[in-house]
Amino acid sequence: AKDEVDMMRNEVVFEIAQSHQCSAAQILLAWHVNNGVSVIPKSVNKTRIEENLKAASIELSNDEISQISKLDRHYRFVNGRFWAMPGCPYTYENIWDV
């Protein structure tokens, strides 16, 4: 989307990744895991699959978790528009409230 947020290039995420000697993707996965969110990363690249698995063992400090949390812009990558089809009980306006 035109307004899509690129968290992989975010300066805060990049700096935290450097301090942990890992990728921005690993930090974002670790942040979600640290916040109790189930994450389903996708890759067909062997190296990235291994990195995704290693992300579960990255321990972020409370300060790092807070820094990343403050980046929230209330953007949804999966916004639900594909569920709001003609004849469907869902509308884009109420998709997250049903």
N, C-alpha and C. Protein backbone atom coordinates (compact mmCIF):
# COMPACT_ATOMS: atom_id res chain seq x y z
N ALA A 1 0.84 -1.19 0.00
CA ALA A 1 0.00 0.00 0.00
C ALA A 1 0.88 1.25 0.00
N LYS A 2 0.33 2.33 -0.50
CA LYS A 2 1.10 3.58 -0.55
C LYS A 2 1.55 4.05 0.83
N ASP A 3 0.71 3.83 1.83
CA ASP A 3 1.03 4.31 3.17
C ASP A 3 1.67 3.24 4.06
N GLU A 4 2.13 2.14 3.44
CA GLU A 4 2.69 1.03 4.21
C GLU A 4 3.94 1.45 4.98
N VAL A 5 4.00 1.03 6.20
CA VAL A 5 5.12 1.33 7.09
C VAL A 5 6.22 0.30 6.85
N ASP A 6 7.47 0.73 6.71
CA ASP A 6 8.59 -0.20 6.51
C ASP A 6 9.40 -0.29 7.80
N MET A 7 8.97 -1.19 8.69
CA MET A 7 9.62 -1.33 9.99
C MET A 7 11.03 -1.91 9.86
N MET A 8 11.32 -2.59 8.76
CA MET A 8 12.65 -3.19 8.59
C MET A 8 13.72 -2.12 8.40
N ARG A 9 13.30 -0.91 8.04
CA ARG A 9 14.25 0.17 7.82
C ARG A 9 14.15 1.26 8.89
N ASN A 10 13.40 0.98 9.94
CA ASN A 10 13.24 1.95 11.01
C ASN A 10 14.55 2.08 11.78
N GLU A 11 14.95 3.32 12.06
CA GLU A 11 16.22 3.59 12.72
C GLU A 11 16.31 2.96 14.11
N VAL A 12 15.24 3.03 14.89
CA VAL A 12 15.22 2.46 16.24
C VAL A 12 15.41 0.95 16.16
N VAL A 13 14.65 0.31 15.28
CA VAL A 13 14.75 -1.15 15.12
C VAL A 13 16.15 -1.52 14.64
N PHE A 14 16.68 -0.76 13.69
CA PHE A 14 18.01 -1.02 13.15
C PHE A 14 19.08 -0.94 14.24
N GLU A 15 19.01 0.09 15.08
CA GLU A 15 20.00 0.25 16.16
C GLU A 15 19.91 -0.88 17.18
N ILE A 16 18.70 -1.29 17.52
CA ILE A 16 18.53 -2.40 18.46
C ILE A 16 19.09 -3.68 17.84
N ALA A 17 18.82 -3.88 16.55
CA ALA A 17 19.35 -5.06 15.85
C ALA A 17 20.87 -5.08 15.87
N GLN A 18 21.48 -3.93 15.64
CA GLN A 18 22.94 -3.85 15.67
C GLN A 18 23.48 -4.21 17.05
N SER A 19 22.81 -3.74 18.09
CA SER A 19 23.29 -4.02 19.44
C SER A 19 23.18 -5.51 19.79
N HIS A 20 22.26 -6.22 19.15
CA HIS A 20 22.10 -7.66 19.38
C HIS A 20 22.81 -8.49 18.32
N GLN A 21 23.45 -7.82 17.39
CA GLN A 21 24.15 -8.48 16.27
C GLN A 21 23.22 -9.43 15.52
N CYS A 22 22.07 -8.89 15.13
CA CYS A 22 21.10 -9.67 14.37
C CYS A 22 20.38 -8.76 13.39
N SER A 23 19.41 -9.30 12.70
CA SER A 23 18.69 -8.51 11.70
C SER A 23 17.50 -7.76 12.31
N ALA A 24 17.03 -6.76 11.58
CA ALA A 24 15.83 -6.03 12.00
C ALA A 24 14.64 -6.97 12.08
N ALA A 25 14.56 -7.91 11.14
CA ALA A 25 13.45 -8.88 11.15
C ALA A 25 13.46 -9.69 12.43
N GLN A 26 14.64 -10.11 12.88
CA GLN A 26 14.73 -10.89 14.12
C GLN A 26 14.27 -10.05 15.31
N ILE A 27 14.62 -8.78 15.34
CA ILE A 27 14.20 -7.91 16.44
C ILE A 27 12.69 -7.76 16.44
N LEU A 28 12.09 -7.57 15.27
CA LEU A 28 10.64 -7.43 15.20
C LEU A 28 9.93 -8.71 15.61
N LEU A 29 10.47 -9.85 15.21
CA LEU A 29 9.90 -11.13 15.66
C LEU A 29 10.04 -11.28 17.17
N ALA A 30 11.22 -10.95 17.69
CA ALA A 30 11.46 -11.06 19.14
C ALA A 30 10.52 -10.13 19.91
N TRP A 31 10.29 -8.93 19.40
CA TRP A 31 9.39 -7.97 20.06
C TRP A 31 7.99 -8.58 20.17
N HIS A 32 7.51 -9.17 19.08
CA HIS A 32 6.18 -9.78 19.12
C HIS A 32 6.13 -10.93 20.13
N VAL A 33 7.13 -11.80 20.09
CA VAL A 33 7.17 -12.93 21.02
C VAL A 33 7.21 -12.43 22.46
N ASN A 34 8.02 -11.39 22.72
CA ASN A 34 8.12 -10.81 24.06
C ASN A 34 6.80 -10.21 24.52
N ASN A 35 5.92 -9.86 23.57
CA ASN A 35 4.62 -9.29 23.90
C ASN A 35 3.49 -10.31 23.83
N GLY A 36 3.86 -11.60 23.74
CA GLY A 36 2.85 -12.66 23.77
C GLY A 36 2.05 -12.81 22.49
N VAL A 37 2.60 -12.31 21.39
CA VAL A 37 1.90 -12.38 20.11
C VAL A 37 2.42 -13.59 19.33
N SER A 38 1.51 -14.39 18.81
CA SER A 38 1.91 -15.50 17.95
C SER A 38 2.33 -14.93 16.60
N VAL A 39 3.48 -15.33 16.14
CA VAL A 39 4.02 -14.82 14.88
C VAL A 39 4.21 -15.99 13.93
N ILE A 40 3.81 -15.80 12.69
CA ILE A 40 3.98 -16.84 11.68
C ILE A 40 4.82 -16.24 10.55
N PRO A 41 6.15 -16.26 10.71
CA PRO A 41 7.00 -15.72 9.64
C PRO A 41 7.03 -16.66 8.45
N LYS A 42 7.25 -16.09 7.29
CA LYS A 42 7.28 -16.89 6.07
C LYS A 42 8.60 -16.65 5.34
N SER A 43 9.20 -17.71 4.89
CA SER A 43 10.39 -17.60 4.06
C SER A 43 10.64 -18.94 3.37
N VAL A 44 11.28 -18.87 2.24
CA VAL A 44 11.74 -20.08 1.55
C VAL A 44 13.27 -20.10 1.53
N ASN A 45 13.86 -19.05 2.10
CA ASN A 45 15.31 -18.92 2.15
C ASN A 45 15.82 -19.60 3.42
N LYS A 46 16.70 -20.58 3.28
CA LYS A 46 17.19 -21.35 4.43
C LYS A 46 17.79 -20.47 5.52
N THR A 47 18.60 -19.50 5.12
CA THR A 47 19.23 -18.61 6.11
C THR A 47 18.19 -17.82 6.88
N ARG A 48 17.19 -17.30 6.19
CA ARG A 48 16.15 -16.52 6.87
C ARG A 48 15.28 -17.40 7.78
N ILE A 49 15.03 -18.61 7.36
CA ILE A 49 14.27 -19.54 8.20
C ILE A 49 15.03 -19.78 9.51
N GLU A 50 16.33 -19.99 9.40
CA GLU A 50 17.16 -20.19 10.60
C GLU A 50 17.15 -18.94 11.47
N GLU A 51 17.25 -17.76 10.85
CA GLU A 51 17.20 -16.50 11.61
C GLU A 51 15.86 -16.35 12.31
N ASN A 52 14.77 -16.70 11.61
CA ASN A 52 13.45 -16.60 12.22
C ASN A 52 13.35 -17.46 13.47
N LEU A 53 13.89 -18.66 13.41
CA LEU A 53 13.86 -19.55 14.57
C LEU A 53 14.71 -19.01 15.72
N LYS A 54 15.88 -18.44 15.39
CA LYS A 54 16.76 -17.89 16.42
C LYS A 54 16.16 -16.65 17.09
N ALA A 55 15.25 -15.98 16.42
CA ALA A 55 14.64 -14.78 16.99
C ALA A 55 13.91 -15.08 18.30
N ALA A 56 13.42 -16.30 18.45
CA ALA A 56 12.70 -16.68 19.67
C ALA A 56 13.59 -16.64 20.90
N SER A 57 14.90 -16.70 20.71
CA SER A 57 15.80 -16.69 21.87
C SER A 57 16.41 -15.32 22.14
N ILE A 58 16.03 -14.33 21.36
CA ILE A 58 16.55 -12.97 21.60
C ILE A 58 15.78 -12.35 22.76
N GLU A 59 16.51 -11.92 23.77
CA GLU A 59 15.88 -11.30 24.93
C GLU A 59 16.05 -9.79 24.85
N LEU A 60 14.95 -9.11 24.66
CA LEU A 60 14.96 -7.65 24.60
C LEU A 60 14.80 -7.09 26.00
N SER A 61 15.47 -5.99 26.25
CA SER A 61 15.32 -5.33 27.55
C SER A 61 13.97 -4.62 27.59
N ASN A 62 13.53 -4.27 28.78
CA ASN A 62 12.28 -3.52 28.91
C ASN A 62 12.35 -2.20 28.15
N ASP A 63 13.53 -1.57 28.17
CA ASP A 63 13.71 -0.31 27.45
C ASP A 63 13.58 -0.53 25.94
N GLU A 64 14.16 -1.61 25.43
CA GLU A 64 14.06 -1.89 23.99
C GLU A 64 12.62 -2.19 23.59
N ILE A 65 11.92 -2.96 24.41
CA ILE A 65 10.51 -3.25 24.15
C ILE A 65 9.71 -1.96 24.12
N SER A 66 9.99 -1.08 25.07
CA SER A 66 9.29 0.20 25.14
C SER A 66 9.59 1.07 23.92
N GLN A 67 10.85 1.11 23.52
CA GLN A 67 11.23 1.91 22.34
C GLN A 67 10.47 1.46 21.09
N ILE A 68 10.40 0.15 20.90
CA ILE A 68 9.70 -0.37 19.73
C ILE A 68 8.19 -0.15 19.86
N SER A 69 7.66 -0.31 21.05
CA SER A 69 6.23 -0.10 21.28
C SER A 69 5.82 1.33 20.93
N LYS A 70 6.69 2.28 21.20
CA LYS A 70 6.39 3.69 20.92
C LYS A 70 6.34 4.00 19.43
N LEU A 71 6.76 3.06 18.59
CA LEU A 71 6.74 3.26 17.15
C LEU A 71 5.36 3.00 16.55
N ASP A 72 4.42 2.52 17.35
CA ASP A 72 3.08 2.17 16.87
C ASP A 72 2.42 3.36 16.19
N ARG A 73 1.96 3.16 14.96
CA ARG A 73 1.24 4.19 14.21
C ARG A 73 -0.16 3.71 13.86
N HIS A 74 -0.61 2.64 14.54
CA HIS A 74 -1.95 2.07 14.34
C HIS A 74 -2.18 1.67 12.89
N TYR A 75 -1.15 1.16 12.25
CA TYR A 75 -1.24 0.69 10.87
C TYR A 75 -1.43 -0.82 10.88
N ARG A 76 -2.34 -1.31 10.07
CA ARG A 76 -2.57 -2.75 9.97
C ARG A 76 -2.07 -3.22 8.61
N PHE A 77 -1.11 -4.15 8.59
CA PHE A 77 -0.64 -4.71 7.34
C PHE A 77 -1.72 -5.60 6.73
N VAL A 78 -2.44 -6.31 7.56
CA VAL A 78 -3.60 -7.09 7.12
C VAL A 78 -4.81 -6.31 7.60
N ASN A 79 -5.37 -5.51 6.69
CA ASN A 79 -6.44 -4.61 7.11
C ASN A 79 -7.83 -5.22 7.04
N GLY A 80 -7.99 -6.39 6.46
CA GLY A 80 -9.28 -7.07 6.44
C GLY A 80 -10.14 -6.80 5.23
N ARG A 81 -9.69 -5.95 4.31
CA ARG A 81 -10.51 -5.63 3.13
C ARG A 81 -10.88 -6.88 2.33
N PHE A 82 -10.01 -7.88 2.30
CA PHE A 82 -10.30 -9.08 1.51
C PHE A 82 -11.39 -9.93 2.13
N TRP A 83 -11.74 -9.69 3.40
CA TRP A 83 -12.85 -10.42 4.02
C TRP A 83 -14.19 -9.74 3.75
N ALA A 84 -14.17 -8.48 3.40
CA ALA A 84 -15.40 -7.71 3.21
C ALA A 84 -15.84 -7.78 1.75
N MET A 85 -16.33 -8.94 1.34
CA MET A 85 -16.77 -9.16 -0.03
C MET A 85 -18.27 -8.95 -0.14
N PRO A 86 -18.76 -8.67 -1.34
CA PRO A 86 -20.22 -8.53 -1.53
C PRO A 86 -20.94 -9.79 -1.05
N GLY A 87 -22.00 -9.61 -0.28
CA GLY A 87 -22.77 -10.73 0.24
C GLY A 87 -22.25 -11.29 1.55
N CYS A 88 -21.12 -10.79 2.00
CA CYS A 88 -20.49 -11.25 3.24
C CYS A 88 -21.04 -10.42 4.41
N PRO A 89 -21.19 -11.00 5.59
CA PRO A 89 -21.71 -10.24 6.72
C PRO A 89 -20.73 -9.18 7.25
N TYR A 90 -19.49 -9.22 6.80
CA TYR A 90 -18.49 -8.27 7.26
C TYR A 90 -18.40 -7.05 6.35
N THR A 91 -18.15 -5.92 6.95
CA THR A 91 -17.83 -4.71 6.18
C THR A 91 -16.46 -4.25 6.64
N TYR A 92 -15.81 -3.48 5.81
CA TYR A 92 -14.49 -2.99 6.20
C TYR A 92 -14.59 -2.15 7.48
N GLU A 93 -15.68 -1.42 7.61
CA GLU A 93 -15.86 -0.54 8.77
C GLU A 93 -16.03 -1.30 10.07
N ASN A 94 -16.57 -2.53 10.04
CA ASN A 94 -16.80 -3.26 11.29
C ASN A 94 -15.97 -4.54 11.42
N ILE A 95 -15.05 -4.77 10.50
CA ILE A 95 -14.32 -6.03 10.46
C ILE A 95 -13.61 -6.35 11.80
N TRP A 96 -13.09 -5.37 12.47
CA TRP A 96 -12.34 -5.62 13.70
C TRP A 96 -13.22 -5.56 14.94
N ASP A 97 -14.52 -5.25 14.75
CA ASP A 97 -15.43 -5.16 15.89
C ASP A 97 -16.38 -6.34 15.98
N VAL A 98 -16.38 -7.23 14.98
CA VAL A 98 -17.32 -8.35 14.94
C VAL A 98 -16.88 -9.44 15.90
